[in-house]
Amino acid sequence: MEVLRLTTIFLRPSIPLMDGNLQVALYEGERPQPGQGDSPLYQSPGPMPFNPGGQRFDIPLPEAPLDQLWFMVWGQVRPANPPVCVFNGKPSQGTAAILPANVQDAPSLISLASITMGNGISGRLEVVNNSQPLHGEDGYPPNEVGFWAMDLVDLAAAPAAPSGLSAC
């Protein structure tokens, strides 16, 4: 069985942290418009726990062609002292993406067209609202939450997760 595997790395903030959460959605079409009539083929069942370190999430692969699939990843980091930091997934340079129209701070729709078995895509998780910086003198950019990678995986042939990653 093939799945889309989202792997995330959440950089531990240098400020005190309460918790974090992550959500993901898949859409189908040439240029889907979330919130304007296009419903997701898949959406996480609400906010999933998002903790510093690595995590992976397996998403059922829809029967649609990969060149017609788009995904969004977003979430929140709640520092011990408000305000909440809202973040979105940003694609790496060269990966097709659409920024939904007329929605401030909306996550990009990131194309899955270039994914093949053994060749995934990746990007960054970045704070998009004007909140406090997550990092101080720890060497990371102030609004860097972490990183994401999306791969096509055959569960029958996939090795176990490396130690240090938690499966969700």
C-alpha atoms as a PDB file:
ATOM      1  CA  MET A   1       0.000   0.000   0.000  1.00  0.00           C
ATOM      2  CA  GLU A   2       1.361   3.400  -0.978  1.00  0.00           C
ATOM      3  CA  VAL A   3       0.992   6.447   1.249  1.00  0.00           C
ATOM      4  CA  LEU A   4       2.183  10.024   1.282  1.00  0.00           C
ATOM      5  CA  ARG A   5       4.588  10.391   4.197  1.00  0.00           C
ATOM      6  CA  LEU A   6       4.939  13.835   5.735  1.00  0.00           C
ATOM      7  CA  THR A   7       8.045  14.109   7.896  1.00  0.00           C
ATOM      8  CA  THR A   8       8.465  17.210  10.046  1.00  0.00           C
ATOM      9  CA  ILE A   9      11.281  18.571  12.146  1.00  0.00           C
ATOM     10  CA  PHE A  10      10.260  21.094  14.799  1.00  0.00           C
ATOM     11  CA  LEU A  11      13.244  23.122  16.000  1.00  0.00           C
ATOM     12  CA  ARG A  12      13.130  23.544  19.775  1.00  0.00           C
ATOM     13  CA  PRO A  13      12.379  27.243  20.422  1.00  0.00           C
ATOM     14  CA  SER A  14      14.710  29.187  22.676  1.00  0.00           C
ATOM     15  CA  ILE A  15      11.660  30.654  24.462  1.00  0.00           C
ATOM     16  CA  PRO A  16       9.528  28.655  26.953  1.00  0.00           C
ATOM     17  CA  LEU A  17       7.011  26.495  25.079  1.00  0.00           C
ATOM     18  CA  MET A  18       3.514  25.291  26.069  1.00  0.00           C
ATOM     19  CA  ASP A  19       2.696  23.125  23.031  1.00  0.00           C
ATOM     20  CA  GLY A  20       2.242  23.042  19.282  1.00  0.00           C
ATOM     21  CA  ASN A  21      -0.106  21.533  16.728  1.00  0.00           C
ATOM     22  CA  LEU A  22      -0.016  20.696  13.035  1.00  0.00           C
ATOM     23  CA  GLN A  23      -2.670  20.178  10.372  1.00  0.00           C
ATOM     24  CA  VAL A  24      -2.513  18.946   6.791  1.00  0.00           C
ATOM     25  CA  ALA A  25      -4.964  18.793   3.880  1.00  0.00           C
ATOM     26  CA  LEU A  26      -4.867  17.355   0.333  1.00  0.00           C
ATOM     27  CA  TYR A  27      -6.734  18.881  -2.610  1.00  0.00           C
ATOM     28  CA  GLU A  28      -7.292  17.742  -6.197  1.00  0.00           C
ATOM     29  CA  GLY A  29      -7.419  19.845  -9.366  1.00  0.00           C
ATOM     30  CA  GLU A  30      -5.423  22.045 -11.692  1.00  0.00           C
ATOM     31  CA  ARG A  31      -5.723  25.085  -9.380  1.00  0.00           C
ATOM     32  CA  PRO A  32      -7.878  24.187  -6.363  1.00  0.00           C
ATOM     33  CA  GLN A  33      -9.355  27.018  -4.293  1.00  0.00           C
ATOM     34  CA  PRO A  34      -9.775  26.000  -0.631  1.00  0.00           C
ATOM     35  CA  GLY A  35     -12.609  27.856   1.049  1.00  0.00           C
ATOM     36  CA  GLN A  36     -14.140  28.778  -2.316  1.00  0.00           C
ATOM     37  CA  GLY A  37     -15.983  25.574  -3.147  1.00  0.00           C
ATOM     38  CA  ASP A  38     -13.097  23.067  -3.269  1.00  0.00           C
ATOM     39  CA  SER A  39     -13.230  20.552  -0.427  1.00  0.00           C
ATOM     40  CA  PRO A  40     -10.169  18.566   0.643  1.00  0.00           C
ATOM     41  CA  LEU A  41      -9.770  14.931  -0.422  1.00  0.00           C
ATOM     42  CA  TYR A  42      -8.093  14.403   2.947  1.00  0.00           C
ATOM     43  CA  GLN A  43      -7.778  16.562   6.041  1.00  0.00           C
ATOM     44  CA  SER A  44      -6.142  15.707   9.338  1.00  0.00           C
ATOM     45  CA  PRO A  45      -8.743  14.906  11.985  1.00  0.00           C
ATOM     46  CA  GLY A  46      -8.091  18.199  13.753  1.00  0.00           C
ATOM     47  CA  PRO A  47      -4.893  19.607  15.209  1.00  0.00           C
ATOM     48  CA  MET A  48      -2.275  16.889  15.719  1.00  0.00           C
ATOM     49  CA  PRO A  49       0.331  17.256  18.491  1.00  0.00           C
ATOM     50  CA  PHE A  50       3.518  18.861  17.202  1.00  0.00           C
ATOM     51  CA  ASN A  51       6.495  18.615  19.518  1.00  0.00           C
ATOM     52  CA  PRO A  52      10.157  19.589  19.152  1.00  0.00           C
ATOM     53  CA  GLY A  53      12.100  16.925  17.257  1.00  0.00           C
ATOM     54  CA  GLY A  54      11.064  14.746  14.334  1.00  0.00           C
ATOM     55  CA  GLN A  55       7.647  13.294  13.562  1.00  0.00           C
ATOM     56  CA  ARG A  56       6.084  11.512  10.621  1.00  0.00           C
ATOM     57  CA  PHE A  57       2.502  11.324   9.444  1.00  0.00           C
ATOM     58  CA  ASP A  58       1.255   8.786   6.872  1.00  0.00           C
ATOM     59  CA  ILE A  59      -1.551  10.083   4.675  1.00  0.00           C
ATOM     60  CA  PRO A  60      -3.669   7.701   2.575  1.00  0.00           C
ATOM     61  CA  LEU A  61      -2.834   8.142  -1.124  1.00  0.00           C
ATOM     62  CA  PRO A  62      -5.978   9.195  -3.024  1.00  0.00           C
ATOM     63  CA  GLU A  63      -6.771   7.571  -6.369  1.00  0.00           C
ATOM     64  CA  ALA A  64      -6.157  10.890  -8.151  1.00  0.00           C
ATOM     65  CA  PRO A  65      -3.018  11.366 -10.291  1.00  0.00           C
ATOM     66  CA  LEU A  66      -0.130  12.971  -8.368  1.00  0.00           C
ATOM     67  CA  ASP A  67       0.061  15.844 -10.889  1.00  0.00           C
ATOM     68  CA  GLN A  68      -3.472  16.798  -9.797  1.00  0.00           C
ATOM     69  CA  LEU A  69      -2.751  16.698  -6.040  1.00  0.00           C
ATOM     70  CA  TRP A  70      -1.826  19.643  -3.824  1.00  0.00           C
ATOM     71  CA  PHE A  71      -1.261  19.780  -0.095  1.00  0.00           C
ATOM     72  CA  MET A  72      -1.188  22.384   2.654  1.00  0.00           C
ATOM     73  CA  VAL A  73       0.523  22.154   6.041  1.00  0.00           C
ATOM     74  CA  TRP A  74      -0.005  24.660   8.842  1.00  0.00           C
ATOM     75  CA  GLY A  75      -0.216  24.905  12.591  1.00  0.00           C
ATOM     76  CA  GLN A  76       0.422  26.840  15.779  1.00  0.00           C
ATOM     77  CA  VAL A  77       3.147  27.072  18.374  1.00  0.00           C
ATOM     78  CA  ARG A  78       1.976  28.247  21.796  1.00  0.00           C
ATOM     79  CA  PRO A  79       4.795  29.841  23.766  1.00  0.00           C
ATOM     80  CA  ALA A  80       4.424  30.043  27.553  1.00  0.00           C
ATOM     81  CA  ASN A  81       3.785  33.786  27.110  1.00  0.00           C
ATOM     82  CA  PRO A  82       1.298  34.819  24.379  1.00  0.00           C
ATOM     83  CA  PRO A  83       0.846  35.535  21.527  1.00  0.00           C
ATOM     84  CA  VAL A  84       0.381  32.280  19.605  1.00  0.00           C
ATOM     85  CA  CYS A  85       2.699  31.798  16.604  1.00  0.00           C
ATOM     86  CA  VAL A  86       0.814  30.698  13.469  1.00  0.00           C
ATOM     87  CA  PHE A  87       2.984  28.905  10.905  1.00  0.00           C
ATOM     88  CA  ASN A  88       2.640  27.583   7.348  1.00  0.00           C
ATOM     89  CA  GLY A  89       4.567  25.219   5.134  1.00  0.00           C
ATOM     90  CA  LYS A  90       6.591  26.939   2.426  1.00  0.00           C
ATOM     91  CA  PRO A  91       7.954  24.950  -0.540  1.00  0.00           C
ATOM     92  CA  SER A  92      11.602  24.818  -1.522  1.00  0.00           C
ATOM     93  CA  GLN A  93      12.624  26.791  -4.583  1.00  0.00           C
ATOM     94  CA  GLY A  94      11.527  25.046  -7.764  1.00  0.00           C
ATOM     95  CA  THR A  95       8.447  23.312  -6.261  1.00  0.00           C
ATOM     96  CA  ALA A  96       5.170  24.559  -7.734  1.00  0.00           C
ATOM     97  CA  ALA A  97       2.849  26.259  -5.256  1.00  0.00           C
ATOM     98  CA  ILE A  98      -0.288  28.404  -5.260  1.00  0.00           C
ATOM     99  CA  LEU A  99      -1.030  31.033  -2.648  1.00  0.00           C
ATOM    100  CA  PRO A 100      -4.830  31.044  -2.086  1.00  0.00           C
ATOM    101  CA  ALA A 101      -6.403  34.296  -3.233  1.00  0.00           C
ATOM    102  CA  ASN A 102      -7.770  36.900  -0.835  1.00  0.00           C
ATOM    103  CA  VAL A 103      -6.722  35.093   2.363  1.00  0.00           C
ATOM    104  CA  GLN A 104      -4.078  36.715   4.539  1.00  0.00           C
ATOM    105  CA  ASP A 105      -1.533  34.328   6.124  1.00  0.00           C
ATOM    106  CA  ALA A 106      -3.033  31.318   4.294  1.00  0.00           C
ATOM    107  CA  PRO A 107      -0.790  28.303   3.729  1.00  0.00           C
ATOM    108  CA  SER A 108       0.457  27.677   0.203  1.00  0.00           C
ATOM    109  CA  LEU A 109      -1.019  24.842  -1.846  1.00  0.00           C
ATOM    110  CA  ILE A 110       2.078  22.811  -2.716  1.00  0.00           C
ATOM    111  CA  SER A 111       2.062  20.608  -5.820  1.00  0.00           C
ATOM    112  CA  LEU A 112       2.795  16.888  -5.532  1.00  0.00           C
ATOM    113  CA  ALA A 113       3.414  16.602  -9.313  1.00  0.00           C
ATOM    114  CA  SER A 114       7.162  16.041  -8.969  1.00  0.00           C
ATOM    115  CA  ILE A 115       6.949  13.291  -6.325  1.00  0.00           C
ATOM    116  CA  THR A 116       7.937   9.785  -7.372  1.00  0.00           C
ATOM    117  CA  MET A 117       8.919   6.730  -5.361  1.00  0.00           C
ATOM    118  CA  GLY A 118      12.296   7.705  -3.886  1.00  0.00           C
ATOM    119  CA  ASN A 119      12.072  11.369  -4.982  1.00  0.00           C
ATOM    120  CA  GLY A 120      10.162  13.628  -2.587  1.00  0.00           C
ATOM    121  CA  ILE A 121       9.832  17.358  -1.994  1.00  0.00           C
ATOM    122  CA  SER A 122      10.610  19.499   1.027  1.00  0.00           C
ATOM    123  CA  GLY A 123      10.401  22.980   2.468  1.00  0.00           C
ATOM    124  CA  ARG A 124      10.281  25.122   5.582  1.00  0.00           C
ATOM    125  CA  LEU A 125       7.745  25.776   8.339  1.00  0.00           C
ATOM    126  CA  GLU A 126       7.687  29.530   9.008  1.00  0.00           C
ATOM    127  CA  VAL A 127       5.774  31.844  11.341  1.00  0.00           C
ATOM    128  CA  VAL A 128       3.383  34.033   9.305  1.00  0.00           C
ATOM    129  CA  ASN A 129       1.740  36.234  11.930  1.00  0.00           C
ATOM    130  CA  ASN A 130       3.406  39.082  13.773  1.00  0.00           C
ATOM    131  CA  SER A 131       4.176  37.205  16.953  1.00  0.00           C
ATOM    132  CA  GLN A 132       7.211  36.990  19.150  1.00  0.00           C
ATOM    133  CA  PRO A 133      10.376  35.409  17.746  1.00  0.00           C
ATOM    134  CA  LEU A 134      10.786  31.698  18.542  1.00  0.00           C
ATOM    135  CA  HIS A 135      14.576  31.850  18.527  1.00  0.00           C
ATOM    136  CA  GLY A 136      17.051  34.210  20.133  1.00  0.00           C
ATOM    137  CA  GLU A 137      20.741  33.490  20.235  1.00  0.00           C
ATOM    138  CA  ASP A 138      20.463  29.805  19.286  1.00  0.00           C
ATOM    139  CA  GLY A 139      21.531  30.426  15.673  1.00  0.00           C
ATOM    140  CA  TYR A 140      18.152  29.821  13.985  1.00  0.00           C
ATOM    141  CA  PRO A 141      16.206  32.552  12.169  1.00  0.00           C
ATOM    142  CA  PRO A 142      13.689  34.128  14.614  1.00  0.00           C
ATOM    143  CA  ASN A 143      10.584  32.904  12.737  1.00  0.00           C
ATOM    144  CA  GLU A 144      11.841  29.463  11.666  1.00  0.00           C
ATOM    145  CA  VAL A 145       9.617  26.715  13.107  1.00  0.00           C
ATOM    146  CA  GLY A 146      11.253  23.812  11.302  1.00  0.00           C
ATOM    147  CA  PHE A 147      11.173  21.796   8.100  1.00  0.00           C
ATOM    148  CA  TRP A 148       8.888  19.385   6.246  1.00  0.00           C
ATOM    149  CA  ALA A 149       9.383  16.666   3.618  1.00  0.00           C
ATOM    150  CA  MET A 150       6.746  14.771   1.630  1.00  0.00           C
ATOM    151  CA  ASP A 151       7.562  11.382   0.104  1.00  0.00           C
ATOM    152  CA  LEU A 152       5.697   8.615  -1.678  1.00  0.00           C
ATOM    153  CA  VAL A 153       6.253   5.425   0.347  1.00  0.00           C
ATOM    154  CA  ASP A 154       5.323   1.793  -0.224  1.00  0.00           C
ATOM    155  CA  LEU A 155       4.513   0.574   3.301  1.00  0.00           C
ATOM    156  CA  ALA A 156       5.212  -3.040   2.342  1.00  0.00           C
ATOM    157  CA  ALA A 157       8.805  -2.146   1.393  1.00  0.00           C
ATOM    158  CA  ALA A 158       9.455   0.829   3.713  1.00  0.00           C
ATOM    159  CA  PRO A 159      12.049   0.500   6.466  1.00  0.00           C
ATOM    160  CA  ALA A 160      11.126   1.416  10.025  1.00  0.00           C
ATOM    161  CA  ALA A 161      11.409   5.047  11.102  1.00  0.00           C
ATOM    162  CA  PRO A 162      14.886   6.102  12.191  1.00  0.00           C
ATOM    163  CA  SER A 163      15.280   6.402  15.947  1.00  0.00           C
ATOM    164  CA  GLY A 164      14.298   9.811  17.207  1.00  0.00           C
ATOM    165  CA  LEU A 165      11.235  10.091  14.946  1.00  0.00           C
ATOM    166  CA  SER A 166       7.779   9.448  16.311  1.00  0.00           C
ATOM    167  CA  ALA A 167       5.091   8.005  14.043  1.00  0.00           C
ATOM    168  CA  CYS A 168       1.628   9.552  14.167  1.00  0.00           C
END
